[in-house]
Amino acid sequence: MPKLNNETIELICIAVTALAVLLQGIVLLFIYLALRKAISSLHEEVEDLRASIMPTIDDARDLIGNTRTLIDNTRRLFARMAPKAEATVGDLAKMAHGLQEQTVELESAVQEVLGRVRFQAGRIDAMTTNGLDAVDRAGSFVADSVGRPVRQIAGLVAAAKAIIESLRSPAEPRERRFSGDEDRFV
């Protein structure tokens, strides 16, 4: 084996180191090329994503701007309407209170009128009852006063008529006159 001297060993170490550096450079070159390709692909993806998201973001910005305008207009409307609404609510409360008081007064007036109507109806009922009772008593009195003499006169007239008829008619045998078929006078 040949004797290796210091220079040869150094030369071998330098060659191995150079070869390692060259190999490391080649690996770094491949890593660089792979990263560059990945970055390029990533850049394209970002651009595609930006192209698809940006219209949505712009629309969202417009929507936010319109919403702010709407909110501002609504706040101003509420600021203008709040005093009017409070005044209206106050007026409605006063009206409701007034209507409630009037309803109580009307109810008491109606109760008073109903009491008077009931009282008058009772009086009219009593007057009508007393009047009808008086008419009934008068009718009974008239019937008794007039009816009794009228019946007596009617009886006398009937008796006179019977007497006159019996005197006018020829004497008939008694059996024939009182046959069972004729009506009898009692």
C-alpha atoms as a PDB file:
ATOM      1  CA  MET A   1       0.000   0.000   0.000  1.00  0.00           C
ATOM      2  CA  PRO A   2       1.334   3.224  -0.854  1.00  0.00           C
ATOM      3  CA  LYS A   3       2.191   5.434   1.904  1.00  0.00           C
ATOM      4  CA  LEU A   4      -0.197   8.221   2.357  1.00  0.00           C
ATOM      5  CA  ASN A   5       1.356  11.358   3.296  1.00  0.00           C
ATOM      6  CA  ASN A   6      -0.142  14.394   4.766  1.00  0.00           C
ATOM      7  CA  GLU A   7      -0.656  16.112   1.497  1.00  0.00           C
ATOM      8  CA  THR A   8      -2.482  13.199   0.000  1.00  0.00           C
ATOM      9  CA  ILE A   9      -4.761  12.933   3.004  1.00  0.00           C
ATOM     10  CA  GLU A  10      -5.410  16.612   2.819  1.00  0.00           C
ATOM     11  CA  LEU A  11      -6.088  16.311  -0.870  1.00  0.00           C
ATOM     12  CA  ILE A  12      -8.478  13.416  -0.258  1.00  0.00           C
ATOM     13  CA  CYS A  13     -10.240  15.399   2.514  1.00  0.00           C
ATOM     14  CA  ILE A  14     -10.455  18.418   0.263  1.00  0.00           C
ATOM     15  CA  ALA A  15     -11.807  16.253  -2.586  1.00  0.00           C
ATOM     16  CA  VAL A  16     -14.365  14.597  -0.272  1.00  0.00           C
ATOM     17  CA  THR A  17     -15.314  18.016   1.117  1.00  0.00           C
ATOM     18  CA  ALA A  18     -15.586  19.453  -2.416  1.00  0.00           C
ATOM     19  CA  LEU A  19     -17.658  16.489  -3.469  1.00  0.00           C
ATOM     20  CA  ALA A  20     -19.891  16.941  -0.377  1.00  0.00           C
ATOM     21  CA  VAL A  21     -20.232  20.651  -1.078  1.00  0.00           C
ATOM     22  CA  LEU A  22     -21.020  19.899  -4.729  1.00  0.00           C
ATOM     23  CA  LEU A  23     -23.601  17.297  -3.664  1.00  0.00           C
ATOM     24  CA  GLN A  24     -25.025  19.730  -1.132  1.00  0.00           C
ATOM     25  CA  GLY A  25     -25.207  22.403  -3.836  1.00  0.00           C
ATOM     26  CA  ILE A  26     -27.040  20.023  -6.182  1.00  0.00           C
ATOM     27  CA  VAL A  27     -29.516  19.117  -3.375  1.00  0.00           C
ATOM     28  CA  LEU A  28     -29.997  22.791  -2.551  1.00  0.00           C
ATOM     29  CA  LEU A  29     -30.553  23.503  -6.280  1.00  0.00           C
ATOM     30  CA  PHE A  30     -33.252  20.824  -6.426  1.00  0.00           C
ATOM     31  CA  ILE A  31     -34.815  22.181  -3.203  1.00  0.00           C
ATOM     32  CA  TYR A  32     -34.710  25.697  -4.689  1.00  0.00           C
ATOM     33  CA  LEU A  33     -36.360  24.534  -7.918  1.00  0.00           C
ATOM     34  CA  ALA A  34     -39.047  22.594  -5.967  1.00  0.00           C
ATOM     35  CA  LEU A  35     -39.716  25.582  -3.692  1.00  0.00           C
ATOM     36  CA  ARG A  36     -39.850  27.919  -6.650  1.00  0.00           C
ATOM     37  CA  LYS A  37     -42.371  25.656  -8.357  1.00  0.00           C
ATOM     38  CA  ALA A  38     -44.408  25.392  -5.128  1.00  0.00           C
ATOM     39  CA  ILE A  39     -44.295  29.161  -4.620  1.00  0.00           C
ATOM     40  CA  SER A  40     -45.362  29.717  -8.217  1.00  0.00           C
ATOM     41  CA  SER A  41     -48.254  27.273  -7.783  1.00  0.00           C
ATOM     42  CA  LEU A  42     -49.151  28.864  -4.450  1.00  0.00           C
ATOM     43  CA  HIS A  43     -48.999  32.315  -6.036  1.00  0.00           C
ATOM     44  CA  GLU A  44     -51.406  31.183  -8.778  1.00  0.00           C
ATOM     45  CA  GLU A  45     -53.776  29.712  -6.130  1.00  0.00           C
ATOM     46  CA  VAL A  46     -53.650  32.953  -4.164  1.00  0.00           C
ATOM     47  CA  GLU A  47     -54.410  34.963  -7.302  1.00  0.00           C
ATOM     48  CA  ASP A  48     -57.348  32.670  -8.145  1.00  0.00           C
ATOM     49  CA  LEU A  49     -58.589  32.936  -4.587  1.00  0.00           C
ATOM     50  CA  ARG A  50     -58.167  36.703  -4.635  1.00  0.00           C
ATOM     51  CA  ALA A  51     -60.018  36.923  -7.976  1.00  0.00           C
ATOM     52  CA  SER A  52     -62.951  34.930  -6.568  1.00  0.00           C
ATOM     53  CA  ILE A  53     -63.048  36.546  -3.096  1.00  0.00           C
ATOM     54  CA  MET A  54     -62.496  40.175  -4.041  1.00  0.00           C
ATOM     55  CA  PRO A  55     -65.933  40.675  -5.671  1.00  0.00           C
ATOM     56  CA  THR A  56     -67.522  39.204  -2.556  1.00  0.00           C
ATOM     57  CA  ILE A  57     -65.434  41.473  -0.341  1.00  0.00           C
ATOM     58  CA  ASP A  58     -66.299  44.487  -2.495  1.00  0.00           C
ATOM     59  CA  ASP A  59     -69.993  43.560  -2.300  1.00  0.00           C
ATOM     60  CA  ALA A  60     -69.663  43.126   1.461  1.00  0.00           C
ATOM     61  CA  ARG A  61     -68.040  46.568   1.712  1.00  0.00           C
ATOM     62  CA  ASP A  62     -70.890  48.092  -0.292  1.00  0.00           C
ATOM     63  CA  LEU A  63     -73.416  46.247   1.864  1.00  0.00           C
ATOM     64  CA  ILE A  64     -71.718  47.464   5.038  1.00  0.00           C
ATOM     65  CA  GLY A  65     -71.732  51.021   3.675  1.00  0.00           C
ATOM     66  CA  ASN A  66     -75.433  50.768   2.762  1.00  0.00           C
ATOM     67  CA  THR A  67     -76.190  49.231   6.161  1.00  0.00           C
ATOM     68  CA  ARG A  68     -74.404  52.079   7.920  1.00  0.00           C
ATOM     69  CA  THR A  69     -76.399  54.578   5.876  1.00  0.00           C
ATOM     70  CA  LEU A  70     -79.619  52.742   6.715  1.00  0.00           C
ATOM     71  CA  ILE A  71     -78.712  52.634  10.406  1.00  0.00           C
ATOM     72  CA  ASP A  72     -77.893  56.344  10.383  1.00  0.00           C
ATOM     73  CA  ASN A  73     -81.196  57.150   8.650  1.00  0.00           C
ATOM     74  CA  THR A  74     -83.075  54.932  11.111  1.00  0.00           C
ATOM     75  CA  ARG A  75     -81.391  56.623  14.074  1.00  0.00           C
ATOM     76  CA  ARG A  76     -82.311  60.039  12.719  1.00  0.00           C
ATOM     77  CA  LEU A  77     -85.891  58.875  12.111  1.00  0.00           C
ATOM     78  CA  PHE A  78     -86.150  57.543  15.658  1.00  0.00           C
ATOM     79  CA  ALA A  79     -84.601  60.741  16.988  1.00  0.00           C
ATOM     80  CA  ARG A  80     -87.274  62.765  15.166  1.00  0.00           C
ATOM     81  CA  MET A  81     -90.136  60.393  15.971  1.00  0.00           C
ATOM     82  CA  ALA A  82     -89.354  59.711  19.643  1.00  0.00           C
ATOM     83  CA  PRO A  83     -90.758  63.004  21.000  1.00  0.00           C
ATOM     84  CA  LYS A  84     -93.830  62.701  18.807  1.00  0.00           C
ATOM     85  CA  ALA A  85     -94.354  59.091  19.858  1.00  0.00           C
ATOM     86  CA  GLU A  86     -93.967  60.010  23.525  1.00  0.00           C
ATOM     87  CA  ALA A  87     -96.446  62.871  23.106  1.00  0.00           C
ATOM     88  CA  THR A  88     -98.872  60.579  21.280  1.00  0.00           C
ATOM     89  CA  VAL A  89     -98.586  57.915  23.979  1.00  0.00           C
ATOM     90  CA  GLY A  90     -99.172  60.585  26.625  1.00  0.00           C
ATOM     91  CA  ASP A  91    -102.217  61.880  24.754  1.00  0.00           C
ATOM     92  CA  LEU A  92    -103.564  58.349  24.377  1.00  0.00           C
ATOM     93  CA  ALA A  93    -103.069  57.745  28.093  1.00  0.00           C
ATOM     94  CA  LYS A  94    -104.964  60.971  28.890  1.00  0.00           C
ATOM     95  CA  MET A  95    -107.750  59.975  26.488  1.00  0.00           C
ATOM     96  CA  ALA A  96    -107.972  56.508  28.033  1.00  0.00           C
ATOM     97  CA  HIS A  97    -108.136  58.015  31.512  1.00  0.00           C
ATOM     98  CA  GLY A  98    -110.818  60.498  30.400  1.00  0.00           C
ATOM     99  CA  LEU A  99    -112.818  57.722  28.739  1.00  0.00           C
ATOM    100  CA  GLN A 100    -112.544  55.662  31.886  1.00  0.00           C
ATOM    101  CA  GLU A 101    -113.866  58.542  33.997  1.00  0.00           C
ATOM    102  CA  GLN A 102    -116.698  59.177  31.537  1.00  0.00           C
ATOM    103  CA  THR A 103    -117.537  55.468  31.542  1.00  0.00           C
ATOM    104  CA  VAL A 104    -117.770  55.491  35.339  1.00  0.00           C
ATOM    105  CA  GLU A 105    -119.996  58.592  35.230  1.00  0.00           C
ATOM    106  CA  LEU A 106    -122.157  57.096  32.480  1.00  0.00           C
ATOM    107  CA  GLU A 107    -122.479  53.852  34.402  1.00  0.00           C
ATOM    108  CA  SER A 108    -123.607  55.685  37.530  1.00  0.00           C
ATOM    109  CA  ALA A 109    -126.101  57.753  35.480  1.00  0.00           C
ATOM    110  CA  VAL A 110    -127.450  54.589  33.841  1.00  0.00           C
ATOM    111  CA  GLN A 111    -127.801  52.945  37.266  1.00  0.00           C
ATOM    112  CA  GLU A 112    -129.673  55.993  38.539  1.00  0.00           C
ATOM    113  CA  VAL A 113    -131.987  56.025  35.511  1.00  0.00           C
ATOM    114  CA  LEU A 114    -132.597  52.284  35.869  1.00  0.00           C
ATOM    115  CA  GLY A 115    -133.467  52.792  39.543  1.00  0.00           C
ATOM    116  CA  ARG A 116    -135.958  55.500  38.627  1.00  0.00           C
ATOM    117  CA  VAL A 117    -137.422  53.359  35.832  1.00  0.00           C
ATOM    118  CA  ARG A 118    -137.838  50.455  38.255  1.00  0.00           C
ATOM    119  CA  PHE A 119    -139.492  52.742  40.801  1.00  0.00           C
ATOM    120  CA  GLN A 120    -141.867  54.182  38.166  1.00  0.00           C
ATOM    121  CA  ALA A 121    -142.596  50.703  36.802  1.00  0.00           C
ATOM    122  CA  GLY A 122    -143.492  49.588  40.340  1.00  0.00           C
ATOM    123  CA  ARG A 123    -145.750  52.616  40.769  1.00  0.00           C
ATOM    124  CA  ILE A 124    -147.432  52.000  37.386  1.00  0.00           C
ATOM    125  CA  ASP A 125    -147.866  48.322  38.277  1.00  0.00           C
ATOM    126  CA  ALA A 126    -149.459  49.235  41.621  1.00  0.00           C
ATOM    127  CA  MET A 127    -151.707  51.858  39.963  1.00  0.00           C
ATOM    128  CA  THR A 128    -152.764  49.422  37.242  1.00  0.00           C
ATOM    129  CA  THR A 129    -153.421  46.679  39.776  1.00  0.00           C
ATOM    130  CA  ASN A 130    -155.474  49.026  41.972  1.00  0.00           C
ATOM    131  CA  GLY A 131    -157.400  50.309  38.941  1.00  0.00           C
ATOM    132  CA  LEU A 132    -158.147  46.812  37.670  1.00  0.00           C
ATOM    133  CA  ASP A 133    -159.172  45.717  41.154  1.00  0.00           C
ATOM    134  CA  ALA A 134    -161.550  48.727  41.365  1.00  0.00           C
ATOM    135  CA  VAL A 135    -162.983  47.903  37.925  1.00  0.00           C
ATOM    136  CA  ASP A 136    -163.438  44.290  39.007  1.00  0.00           C
ATOM    137  CA  ARG A 137    -165.221  45.357  42.213  1.00  0.00           C
ATOM    138  CA  ALA A 138    -167.356  47.844  40.273  1.00  0.00           C
ATOM    139  CA  GLY A 139    -168.215  45.158  37.728  1.00  0.00           C
ATOM    140  CA  SER A 140    -169.174  42.753  40.508  1.00  0.00           C
ATOM    141  CA  PHE A 141    -171.226  45.454  42.210  1.00  0.00           C
ATOM    142  CA  VAL A 142    -172.977  46.397  38.954  1.00  0.00           C
ATOM    143  CA  ALA A 143    -173.562  42.751  38.122  1.00  0.00           C
ATOM    144  CA  ASP A 144    -175.053  42.163  41.572  1.00  0.00           C
ATOM    145  CA  SER A 145    -176.992  45.467  41.619  1.00  0.00           C
ATOM    146  CA  VAL A 146    -178.353  45.269  38.109  1.00  0.00           C
ATOM    147  CA  GLY A 147    -178.371  41.508  37.616  1.00  0.00           C
ATOM    148  CA  ARG A 148    -180.645  40.615  40.502  1.00  0.00           C
ATOM    149  CA  PRO A 149    -183.498  43.020  39.539  1.00  0.00           C
ATOM    150  CA  VAL A 150    -183.072  42.121  35.873  1.00  0.00           C
ATOM    151  CA  ARG A 151    -183.422  38.439  36.718  1.00  0.00           C
ATOM    152  CA  GLN A 152    -186.462  39.160  38.835  1.00  0.00           C
ATOM    153  CA  ILE A 153    -188.012  41.241  36.033  1.00  0.00           C
ATOM    154  CA  ALA A 154    -187.134  38.529  33.510  1.00  0.00           C
ATOM    155  CA  GLY A 155    -188.815  35.963  35.745  1.00  0.00           C
ATOM    156  CA  LEU A 156    -191.899  38.172  36.043  1.00  0.00           C
ATOM    157  CA  VAL A 157    -191.970  38.727  32.253  1.00  0.00           C
ATOM    158  CA  ALA A 158    -191.677  34.997  31.664  1.00  0.00           C
ATOM    159  CA  ALA A 159    -194.424  34.297  34.146  1.00  0.00           C
ATOM    160  CA  ALA A 160    -196.644  36.938  32.504  1.00  0.00           C
ATOM    161  CA  LYS A 161    -195.964  35.507  29.081  1.00  0.00           C
ATOM    162  CA  ALA A 162    -196.807  32.010  30.286  1.00  0.00           C
ATOM    163  CA  ILE A 163    -199.997  33.245  31.843  1.00  0.00           C
ATOM    164  CA  ILE A 164    -200.973  35.140  28.676  1.00  0.00           C
ATOM    165  CA  GLU A 165    -200.263  32.150  26.486  1.00  0.00           C
ATOM    166  CA  SER A 166    -202.175  29.831  28.675  1.00  0.00           C
ATOM    167  CA  LEU A 167    -205.158  32.199  28.628  1.00  0.00           C
ATOM    168  CA  ARG A 168    -205.044  32.617  24.872  1.00  0.00           C
ATOM    169  CA  SER A 169    -204.923  29.042  23.951  1.00  0.00           C
ATOM    170  CA  PRO A 170    -208.031  26.864  24.090  1.00  0.00           C
ATOM    171  CA  ALA A 171    -208.206  24.454  26.868  1.00  0.00           C
ATOM    172  CA  GLU A 172    -206.423  21.371  25.911  1.00  0.00           C
ATOM    173  CA  PRO A 173    -206.494  18.171  27.691  1.00  0.00           C
ATOM    174  CA  ARG A 174    -203.841  18.048  30.281  1.00  0.00           C
ATOM    175  CA  GLU A 175    -202.134  14.902  29.163  1.00  0.00           C
ATOM    176  CA  ARG A 176    -201.469  16.178  25.751  1.00  0.00           C
ATOM    177  CA  ARG A 177    -199.952  19.380  26.927  1.00  0.00           C
ATOM    178  CA  PHE A 178    -197.431  17.730  29.148  1.00  0.00           C
ATOM    179  CA  SER A 179    -196.073  14.977  26.986  1.00  0.00           C
ATOM    180  CA  GLY A 180    -192.482  13.979  27.699  1.00  0.00           C
ATOM    181  CA  ASP A 181    -191.139  15.307  24.361  1.00  0.00           C
ATOM    182  CA  GLU A 182    -191.527  18.967  25.000  1.00  0.00           C
ATOM    183  CA  ASP A 183    -189.273  21.219  27.010  1.00  0.00           C
ATOM    184  CA  ARG A 184    -190.324  21.862  30.470  1.00  0.00           C
ATOM    185  CA  PHE A 185    -190.275  25.208  32.193  1.00  0.00           C
ATOM    186  CA  VAL A 186    -188.843  25.185  35.669  1.00  0.00           C
END
